[in-house]
N, C-alpha and C. Protein backbone atom coordinates (compact mmCIF):
# COMPACT_ATOMS: atom_id res chain seq x y z
N MET A 1 8.12 106.43 23.47
CA MET A 1 9.73 106.31 23.50
C MET A 1 10.23 104.94 22.89
N ARG A 2 11.15 105.62 22.09
CA ARG A 2 11.71 104.75 21.96
C ARG A 2 13.47 104.52 21.95
N ALA A 3 13.98 102.79 22.42
CA ALA A 3 14.92 101.93 22.55
C ALA A 3 15.74 102.26 21.41
N LEU A 4 16.75 102.79 22.14
CA LEU A 4 18.04 103.15 21.20
C LEU A 4 19.88 102.31 21.76
N SER A 5 19.71 100.78 21.92
CA SER A 5 20.77 100.81 22.65
C SER A 5 20.38 100.81 23.80
N GLY A 6 19.33 100.75 24.62
CA GLY A 6 19.19 100.43 26.02
C GLY A 6 18.82 101.82 26.27
N LEU A 7 18.59 102.37 25.73
CA LEU A 7 18.34 104.14 26.72
C LEU A 7 17.18 104.42 25.88
N GLN A 8 15.71 105.23 26.63
CA GLN A 8 14.49 105.11 26.60
C GLN A 8 14.60 107.13 25.59
N VAL A 9 14.30 107.22 24.60
CA VAL A 9 14.87 108.33 23.72
C VAL A 9 13.60 108.26 23.67
N SER A 10 12.92 110.06 23.39
CA SER A 10 11.40 110.59 23.43
C SER A 10 11.59 111.14 22.65
N SER A 11 10.52 111.46 21.86
CA SER A 11 10.46 112.40 19.98
C SER A 11 10.36 113.18 19.92
N ILE A 12 10.50 113.95 21.50
CA ILE A 12 10.75 115.74 21.73
C ILE A 12 12.63 115.63 22.07
N GLN A 13 12.95 114.54 22.27
CA GLN A 13 14.72 114.56 22.69
C GLN A 13 14.64 114.04 21.04
N LEU A 14 14.36 113.86 20.90
CA LEU A 14 15.28 113.46 18.84
C LEU A 14 14.78 114.68 18.08
N LEU A 15 13.28 115.18 18.21
CA LEU A 15 13.50 116.86 17.76
C LEU A 15 14.52 117.98 18.07
N LEU A 16 14.76 117.98 19.47
CA LEU A 16 15.46 118.52 19.73
C LEU A 16 16.95 118.21 19.61
N ALA A 17 17.13 117.14 19.58
CA ALA A 17 18.32 117.40 18.98
C ALA A 17 18.98 117.36 17.48
N ALA A 18 17.20 117.03 16.88
CA ALA A 18 17.52 117.91 14.86
C ALA A 18 17.83 119.31 14.71
N LEU A 19 17.23 119.68 15.88
CA LEU A 19 17.19 120.81 15.81
C LEU A 19 18.34 122.09 16.17
N ILE A 20 19.30 121.47 17.55
CA ILE A 20 20.65 121.83 17.60
C ILE A 20 21.16 121.16 16.23
N ALA A 21 21.01 119.99 15.91
CA ALA A 21 22.50 119.49 14.99
C ALA A 21 22.18 120.21 13.70
N PHE A 22 20.76 120.58 13.12
CA PHE A 22 21.06 120.69 11.46
C PHE A 22 20.24 122.07 11.62
N VAL A 23 19.16 122.65 11.96
CA VAL A 23 18.20 122.87 11.98
C VAL A 23 19.34 124.88 12.17
N TRP A 24 19.95 124.32 13.27
CA TRP A 24 19.90 126.26 13.85
C TRP A 24 21.54 126.28 13.30
N PRO A 25 22.07 124.82 12.72
CA PRO A 25 23.13 125.83 12.33
C PRO A 25 23.26 126.35 10.85
N VAL A 26 21.70 125.49 10.30
CA VAL A 26 21.68 125.85 8.36
C VAL A 26 20.38 127.10 9.02
N TYR A 27 19.49 127.30 9.65
CA TYR A 27 19.46 129.19 10.05
C TYR A 27 20.49 130.10 10.03
N ASP A 28 21.74 129.76 11.16
CA ASP A 28 22.50 130.88 11.17
C ASP A 28 23.14 131.20 9.93
N HIS A 29 23.69 129.92 9.28
CA HIS A 29 24.45 130.30 8.51
C HIS A 29 24.19 131.34 7.07
N PHE A 30 22.56 131.42 6.76
CA PHE A 30 21.90 131.37 5.72
C PHE A 30 21.61 132.95 6.42
N ILE A 31 20.77 132.87 7.71
CA ILE A 31 19.71 133.59 8.20
C ILE A 31 20.06 134.91 9.06
N ASP A 32 20.50 134.27 10.03
CA ASP A 32 21.24 135.16 11.06
C ASP A 32 22.98 135.57 10.73
N TRP A 33 23.69 134.86 10.47
CA TRP A 33 25.41 135.50 10.15
C TRP A 33 24.94 136.76 9.20
N PRO A 34 24.55 136.35 7.96
CA PRO A 34 24.45 137.63 7.55
C PRO A 34 23.93 138.64 7.67
N ARG A 35 22.94 139.15 8.71
CA ARG A 35 22.25 139.74 8.59
C ARG A 35 22.90 140.61 10.49
N PHE A 36 23.77 139.66 10.87
CA PHE A 36 24.64 140.34 11.76
C PHE A 36 25.71 141.31 11.37
N GLN A 37 26.11 140.59 10.21
CA GLN A 37 27.31 141.06 9.32
C GLN A 37 26.97 142.46 8.94
N ARG A 38 26.21 142.72 8.10
CA ARG A 38 25.45 143.97 7.46
C ARG A 38 24.59 144.82 8.59
N GLU A 39 24.01 144.66 9.79
CA GLU A 39 23.92 144.94 10.87
C GLU A 39 25.48 145.78 11.57
N LEU A 40 26.31 144.91 11.85
CA LEU A 40 27.44 145.30 12.55
C LEU A 40 28.13 145.89 11.48
N ARG A 41 27.84 146.55 10.18
CA ARG A 41 29.03 147.11 9.51
C ARG A 41 27.65 148.51 9.61
N GLU A 42 27.02 148.49 9.90
CA GLU A 42 25.67 149.84 9.52
C GLU A 42 26.06 150.47 11.81
N LYS A 43 25.89 149.39 12.37
CA LYS A 43 25.83 149.81 13.71
C LYS A 43 26.29 149.18 14.63
N PRO A 44 27.22 149.17 14.73
CA PRO A 44 28.18 147.91 15.81
C PRO A 44 27.84 147.95 16.66
N ASN A 45 27.57 149.24 17.21
CA ASN A 45 26.74 148.79 19.70
C ASN A 45 25.81 147.54 19.23
N SER A 46 24.86 148.86 18.75
CA SER A 46 23.35 147.84 18.87
C SER A 46 23.95 146.60 18.56
N ALA A 47 24.47 145.89 17.20
CA ALA A 47 24.18 144.59 16.68
C ALA A 47 25.14 143.79 17.52
N ARG A 48 26.17 144.36 18.37
CA ARG A 48 27.02 142.99 19.00
C ARG A 48 25.36 142.39 20.52
N PHE A 49 25.12 143.94 20.71
CA PHE A 49 24.31 144.02 21.85
C PHE A 49 22.83 142.36 21.59
N ARG A 50 22.33 142.95 20.48
CA ARG A 50 21.41 142.25 19.95
C ARG A 50 21.59 140.53 20.03
N GLU A 51 22.99 140.07 19.42
CA GLU A 51 23.32 139.09 19.12
C GLU A 51 23.55 138.40 20.33
N TYR A 52 24.31 139.28 21.33
CA TYR A 52 24.28 138.75 22.50
C TYR A 52 23.48 138.37 23.22
N ARG A 53 22.79 138.80 22.93
CA ARG A 53 20.42 138.54 24.12
C ARG A 53 19.93 138.07 23.05
N TRP A 54 20.08 137.82 22.14
CA TRP A 54 19.70 136.30 20.93
C TRP A 54 20.33 135.23 21.57
N THR A 55 21.68 135.55 21.38
CA THR A 55 21.99 134.02 21.51
C THR A 55 21.96 133.83 23.56
N ILE A 56 21.55 134.61 24.49
CA ILE A 56 21.61 134.03 25.86
C ILE A 56 19.92 133.52 25.65
N LEU A 57 19.01 133.55 25.00
CA LEU A 57 17.93 133.50 25.17
C LEU A 57 17.80 132.25 24.64
N LEU A 58 18.21 131.70 23.58
CA LEU A 58 18.44 130.92 22.41
C LEU A 58 18.70 129.57 23.86
N GLN A 59 19.99 129.81 23.79
CA GLN A 59 20.37 128.87 24.98
C GLN A 59 19.75 128.04 26.06
N TRP A 60 19.13 129.24 26.54
CA TRP A 60 17.90 129.15 27.83
C TRP A 60 16.79 128.44 27.30
N VAL A 61 16.17 129.03 26.26
CA VAL A 61 15.44 128.02 25.82
C VAL A 61 15.89 126.17 25.34
N LEU A 62 16.56 126.59 24.39
CA LEU A 62 16.76 125.04 23.90
C LEU A 62 17.13 124.10 25.70
N ALA A 63 18.40 124.37 26.13
CA ALA A 63 18.37 124.24 27.65
C ALA A 63 17.17 123.78 28.58
N SER A 64 15.94 124.62 28.57
CA SER A 64 14.79 124.36 28.84
C SER A 64 14.16 123.07 28.56
N GLY A 65 13.93 122.98 27.00
CA GLY A 65 13.37 122.24 26.02
C GLY A 65 14.41 120.66 26.51
N GLY A 66 15.63 120.58 26.94
CA GLY A 66 15.74 119.45 26.85
C GLY A 66 16.04 118.96 28.47
N ALA A 67 15.13 119.88 29.44
CA ALA A 67 15.19 119.79 30.84
C ALA A 67 13.58 119.16 31.03
N LEU A 68 12.15 119.90 30.00
CA LEU A 68 11.20 119.23 29.55
C LEU A 68 10.87 118.17 30.39
N PRO A 69 11.88 117.01 28.90
CA PRO A 69 11.21 115.84 28.53
C PRO A 69 11.80 114.83 30.43
N LEU A 70 13.00 115.33 30.37
CA LEU A 70 13.09 114.72 31.63
C LEU A 70 12.70 115.35 33.10
N ALA A 71 11.84 116.07 33.00
CA ALA A 71 10.56 116.28 34.19
C ALA A 71 9.21 115.48 33.99
N LEU A 72 9.09 115.20 32.99
CA LEU A 72 8.03 115.21 32.63
C LEU A 72 8.43 112.83 33.08
N TYR A 73 9.27 112.83 32.23
CA TYR A 73 9.54 111.29 32.58
C TYR A 73 9.73 111.23 34.50
N ARG A 74 10.05 111.71 34.98
CA ARG A 74 10.32 111.47 36.52
C ARG A 74 9.19 111.88 37.24
N ARG A 75 8.47 112.43 36.41
CA ARG A 75 7.39 112.94 36.96
C ARG A 75 6.35 111.56 36.43
N ALA A 76 6.63 111.17 36.14
CA ALA A 76 5.46 109.59 35.74
C ALA A 76 5.85 108.52 36.09
N GLY A 77 6.63 108.64 37.11
CA GLY A 77 7.15 107.44 38.15
C GLY A 77 8.05 106.89 37.77
N THR A 78 8.36 106.98 36.67
CA THR A 78 10.13 106.02 35.91
C THR A 78 11.28 106.44 36.78
N ARG A 79 11.86 105.53 36.51
CA ARG A 79 13.63 106.20 36.69
C ARG A 79 14.48 105.14 36.42
């Protein structure tokens, strides 16, 4: 863990922050958004459903990824 201004930050948390701040927007802009636009023109109903499902799944994965380091930190006996 690294100390940043008195806060303990793990490598997993830094990786998750980088994923949310940099990788996800780049992927969304260049890959997912054009694919969604193309599918929206061809089959609007299934495109929306697929995008909603993917967004909800991704948010749950990212939320659990943020909760995992916290659970491991507390399990180690540190508070």
